[in-house]
Protein backbone atom coordinates (compact mmCIF):
# COMPACT_ATOMS: atom_id res chain seq x y z
CA MET A 1 4.33 -38.33 5.88
CA VAL A 2 6.65 -36.22 8.03
CA SER A 3 9.14 -33.84 6.39
CA ILE A 4 11.65 -31.43 7.97
CA LYS A 5 11.57 -28.00 6.32
CA CYS A 6 13.98 -25.93 8.40
CA VAL A 7 16.02 -26.06 11.61
CA HIS A 8 17.13 -22.96 13.49
CA SER A 9 19.50 -23.34 16.43
CA ASN A 10 20.95 -20.74 18.79
CA LEU A 11 24.03 -22.96 19.16
CA THR A 12 23.45 -23.42 22.89
CA THR A 13 20.56 -25.47 24.21
CA THR A 14 17.54 -24.86 21.97
CA LYS A 15 16.50 -25.40 18.38
CA THR A 16 13.32 -24.65 16.47
CA ILE A 17 12.26 -27.18 13.86
CA ALA A 18 9.82 -26.54 11.04
CA PHE A 19 8.18 -29.74 9.80
CA THR A 20 5.09 -30.94 8.00
CA ILE A 21 2.70 -33.75 8.80
CA THR A 22 0.75 -34.65 5.66
CA ASN A 23 1.63 -31.25 4.15
CA LYS A 24 0.43 -29.35 7.23
CA LEU A 25 3.13 -27.08 8.65
CA PHE A 26 4.11 -27.04 12.33
CA TYR A 27 6.99 -25.71 14.39
CA ILE A 28 8.48 -27.34 17.43
CA LYS A 29 10.81 -25.65 19.88
CA ALA A 30 13.10 -28.17 21.55
CA GLY A 31 15.43 -27.47 24.43
CA MET A 32 16.00 -27.87 28.13
CA ASP A 33 12.34 -27.06 28.88
CA LEU A 34 9.36 -29.08 27.71
CA PRO A 35 9.02 -28.92 23.91
CA LYS A 36 6.40 -26.55 22.48
CA ILE A 37 4.37 -26.91 19.28
CA PHE A 38 3.28 -23.96 17.09
CA ASP A 39 0.98 -23.97 14.08
CA GLU A 40 1.75 -22.33 10.73
CA ASN A 41 0.53 -18.97 12.10
CA LEU A 42 3.01 -19.24 15.02
CA THR A 43 0.23 -19.82 17.54
CA LYS A 44 1.39 -22.01 20.42
CA LEU A 45 -0.80 -25.10 20.67
CA PRO A 46 -2.01 -26.37 24.07
CA ILE A 47 -0.29 -29.74 23.86
CA PRO A 48 0.77 -31.14 27.26
CA ASN A 49 2.70 -34.10 25.85
CA VAL A 50 4.40 -33.53 22.51
CA ASP A 51 5.53 -37.12 22.13
CA ILE A 52 2.01 -38.53 22.50
CA TRP A 53 0.66 -35.85 20.14
CA LEU A 54 3.24 -36.65 17.45
CA GLN A 55 2.55 -40.35 17.61
CA ALA A 56 -1.18 -39.72 17.41
CA GLN A 57 -0.75 -37.45 14.37
CA THR A 58 1.45 -39.98 12.55
CA ASN A 59 -0.26 -43.26 13.50
CA ARG A 60 2.65 -44.06 15.84
CA LYS A 61 5.17 -43.90 13.00
CA TYR A 62 7.10 -40.92 14.44
CA SER A 63 7.99 -39.91 17.98
CA TYR A 64 9.54 -36.75 19.42
CA ALA A 65 12.95 -38.47 19.39
CA ASP A 66 12.47 -39.32 15.70
CA ILE A 67 11.81 -35.66 14.86
CA LEU A 68 15.00 -34.60 16.65
CA LYS A 69 17.05 -37.21 14.76
CA MET A 70 15.53 -36.11 11.45
CA ALA A 71 16.34 -32.48 12.27
CA ASP A 72 19.98 -33.35 12.98
CA ALA A 73 20.19 -35.25 9.67
CA PHE A 74 18.61 -32.26 7.91
CA VAL A 75 21.27 -29.90 9.30
CA ASP A 76 24.07 -32.29 8.34
CA GLY A 77 22.74 -32.35 4.79
CA LEU A 78 22.60 -28.55 4.57
CA ASN A 79 26.13 -28.19 5.92
CA SER A 80 27.40 -30.36 3.09
CA ASN A 81 25.58 -28.34 0.41
CA PHE A 82 28.22 -25.59 0.21
CA THR A 83 31.91 -26.28 -0.25
CA LYS A 84 34.74 -24.04 0.91
CA ASN A 85 35.16 -22.84 -2.68
CA ASP A 86 31.49 -21.84 -2.82
CA ILE A 87 31.84 -19.66 0.28
CA GLN A 88 35.08 -18.10 -1.00
CA SER A 89 33.37 -17.30 -4.30
CA ILE A 90 30.54 -15.52 -2.48
CA GLU A 91 33.03 -13.55 -0.37
CA GLN A 92 35.02 -12.51 -3.47
CA ASN A 93 31.84 -11.45 -5.24
CA LEU A 94 30.80 -9.32 -2.30
CA TYR A 95 34.26 -7.75 -2.00
CA ASP A 96 34.30 -6.85 -5.70
CA ARG A 97 30.86 -5.25 -5.48
CA ILE A 98 31.84 -3.24 -2.39
CA PHE A 99 34.99 -1.96 -4.08
CA LYS A 100 33.15 -1.04 -7.28
CA ASN A 101 30.19 0.70 -5.64
CA ILE A 102 32.06 2.56 -2.89
CA PHE A 103 35.55 3.25 -4.20
CA SER A 104 34.91 3.43 -7.92
CA SER A 105 31.54 5.04 -8.50
CA GLN A 106 29.70 8.35 -8.42
CA ARG A 107 29.18 7.83 -4.69
CA THR A 108 32.91 7.82 -3.92
CA PRO A 109 33.02 11.60 -3.17
CA ILE A 110 30.21 11.13 -0.66
CA TYR A 111 32.28 8.59 1.27
CA ILE A 112 35.42 10.74 1.07
CA ASN A 113 33.54 13.69 2.54
CA HIS A 114 31.77 11.65 5.22
CA TYR A 115 34.94 9.89 6.37
CA ASN A 116 37.28 12.81 5.87
CA ILE A 117 38.93 12.30 9.28
CA GLU A 118 39.46 8.57 8.79
CA LEU A 119 41.04 9.24 5.37
CA MET A 120 43.10 12.28 6.39
CA SER A 121 46.89 12.16 6.11
CA GLN A 122 49.04 12.40 9.22
CA SER A 123 50.33 15.89 8.48
CA LYS A 124 46.84 17.29 7.84
CA LEU A 125 45.50 15.60 10.94
CA GLN A 126 48.20 17.14 13.12
CA LYS A 127 47.42 20.58 11.68
CA LEU A 128 43.73 20.00 12.39
CA ILE A 129 44.48 19.07 16.01
CA ARG A 130 46.45 22.30 16.48
CA LYS A 131 43.58 24.35 15.04
CA ILE A 132 41.08 22.64 17.32
CA SER A 133 43.31 23.28 20.35
CA GLU A 134 43.63 26.97 19.48
CA GLY A 135 39.91 27.48 18.77
CA PHE A 136 38.51 24.98 21.23
CA ASP A 137 36.13 27.33 23.06
CA GLU A 138 34.65 28.70 19.84
CA LEU A 139 34.18 25.22 18.39
CA ASN A 140 32.50 24.07 21.58
CA LYS A 141 30.13 27.00 21.36
CA ASN A 142 29.33 26.50 17.65
CA LEU A 143 29.15 22.70 17.52
CA GLY A 144 28.01 21.92 21.04
CA PRO A 145 29.85 19.60 23.44
CA ASP A 146 28.23 16.36 22.21
CA ARG A 147 29.05 16.89 18.55
CA LEU A 148 32.55 18.15 19.34
CA CYS A 149 33.14 15.17 21.62
CA GLU A 150 32.18 12.77 18.83
CA TYR A 151 34.47 14.67 16.45
CA LEU A 152 37.40 14.47 18.88
CA HIS A 153 36.86 10.76 19.49
CA ARG A 154 37.02 10.08 15.76
CA ILE A 155 40.31 11.98 15.59
CA LEU A 156 41.57 10.10 18.64
CA ASP A 157 40.72 6.74 17.08
CA LYS A 158 42.58 7.77 13.94
CA CYS A 159 45.64 8.80 15.98
CA VAL A 160 45.68 5.52 17.89
CA LYS A 161 45.47 3.46 14.70
CA SER A 162 48.09 5.55 12.92
CA ASP A 163 50.53 5.97 15.84
CA ILE A 164 50.22 9.76 15.78
CA ASP A 165 51.73 11.43 18.86
CA ASP A 166 48.85 13.74 19.74
CA ILE A 167 46.83 11.40 21.93
CA ASP A 168 47.53 13.29 25.16
CA VAL A 169 46.38 16.56 23.58
CA LEU A 170 43.12 15.02 22.42
CA GLU A 171 42.45 13.36 25.76
CA ARG A 172 42.88 16.70 27.55
CA LEU A 173 40.45 18.36 25.14
CA ILE A 174 37.92 15.57 25.61
CA ASP A 175 38.25 15.86 29.41
CA LYS A 176 37.48 19.58 29.18
CA LEU A 177 34.06 18.73 27.72
CA LYS A 178 33.20 16.77 30.90
CA ILE A 179 31.06 14.22 29.06
CA LYS A 180 30.99 10.90 30.88
CA ASP A 181 30.51 7.48 29.29
CA HIS A 182 30.71 8.73 25.72
CA ARG A 183 30.08 6.07 23.11
CA SER A 184 31.09 6.73 19.54
CA VAL A 185 28.31 6.25 17.01
CA PHE A 186 29.43 4.79 13.72
CA THR A 187 27.42 6.76 11.20
CA TYR A 188 26.80 6.08 7.54
CA PRO A 189 26.71 8.57 4.70
CA PRO A 190 23.35 10.03 3.59
CA ASP A 191 21.24 7.69 1.45
CA GLU A 192 23.42 4.75 2.45
CA ILE A 193 20.58 2.45 1.43
CA ILE A 194 21.40 3.27 -2.20
CA THR A 195 24.90 1.84 -1.86
CA ARG A 196 23.65 -1.11 0.16
CA ASP A 197 21.16 -2.08 -2.53
CA LEU A 198 23.89 -1.83 -5.16
CA ILE A 199 26.25 -4.06 -3.18
CA LEU A 200 23.86 -6.76 -2.02
CA PHE A 201 23.11 -9.58 -4.40
CA ASP A 202 20.95 -12.67 -4.33
CA PRO A 203 23.01 -15.53 -2.86
CA PRO A 204 22.45 -19.07 -4.06
CA GLU A 205 19.51 -20.96 -2.59
CA TYR A 206 20.45 -22.66 0.66
CA GLY A 207 18.76 -26.03 0.45
CA ASN A 208 15.72 -24.42 -1.29
CA ILE A 209 14.29 -23.45 2.10
CA ASP A 210 11.29 -21.14 2.06
CA HIS A 211 12.43 -17.75 3.39
CA THR A 212 9.18 -17.29 5.34
CA ILE A 213 9.75 -20.53 7.21
CA ILE A 214 13.31 -19.46 8.06
CA GLU A 215 12.05 -16.17 9.46
CA ASN A 216 9.30 -17.90 11.44
CA THR A 217 11.76 -20.23 13.16
CA ARG A 218 13.80 -17.18 14.17
CA LYS A 219 10.71 -15.38 15.47
CA ILE A 220 9.86 -18.35 17.68
CA GLU A 221 13.40 -18.37 19.07
CA MET A 222 13.21 -14.66 19.89
CA SER A 223 9.64 -14.56 21.23
CA GLU A 224 10.21 -17.47 23.58
CA LYS A 225 13.35 -16.09 25.28
């Protein structure tokens, strides 16, 4: 009569449970506050006492505590569905697809061009830093301080990771731009969605859970915060 369909937990104090009563779908948000019931359209129902409501809907066969226990058992069952080897196989599959579609495809030159600083050799990077130092004012005029600052921060990150002794030079150049609280923006190459679609693949079904129900439990978690 009652069946658990999905459980979404934020790993702290709340969980949202999708369940059916005689094939009618409901959602319940359980946590530190009073539990809330939602219908299949995610409309919150005006139910002052969830426990009384559940018992009335199930002819006193199920209580609020019973639903929570069933949800815990549901999660335990899902956690045992995938073995360590299953997860490792998925990770290896994803790695192979990334390598093939980024480093061994027609899109490889696009990545090389977009991440030219990150892929640059130490000797070329040091030459580039000298050129920037010598033509700093002209670059600032042509690129603008924001774009030049981002460019310099990328070079600085590369120097830090590669132990290149030009960090002081770069920091002085960045200070000259007088841009406070700069945050580097990790950008993707043009048409990145093409590569993403090539890399992503359909993972195995996780407990045959309806994707819409999974998304709805997440929406309830987010909307109720």
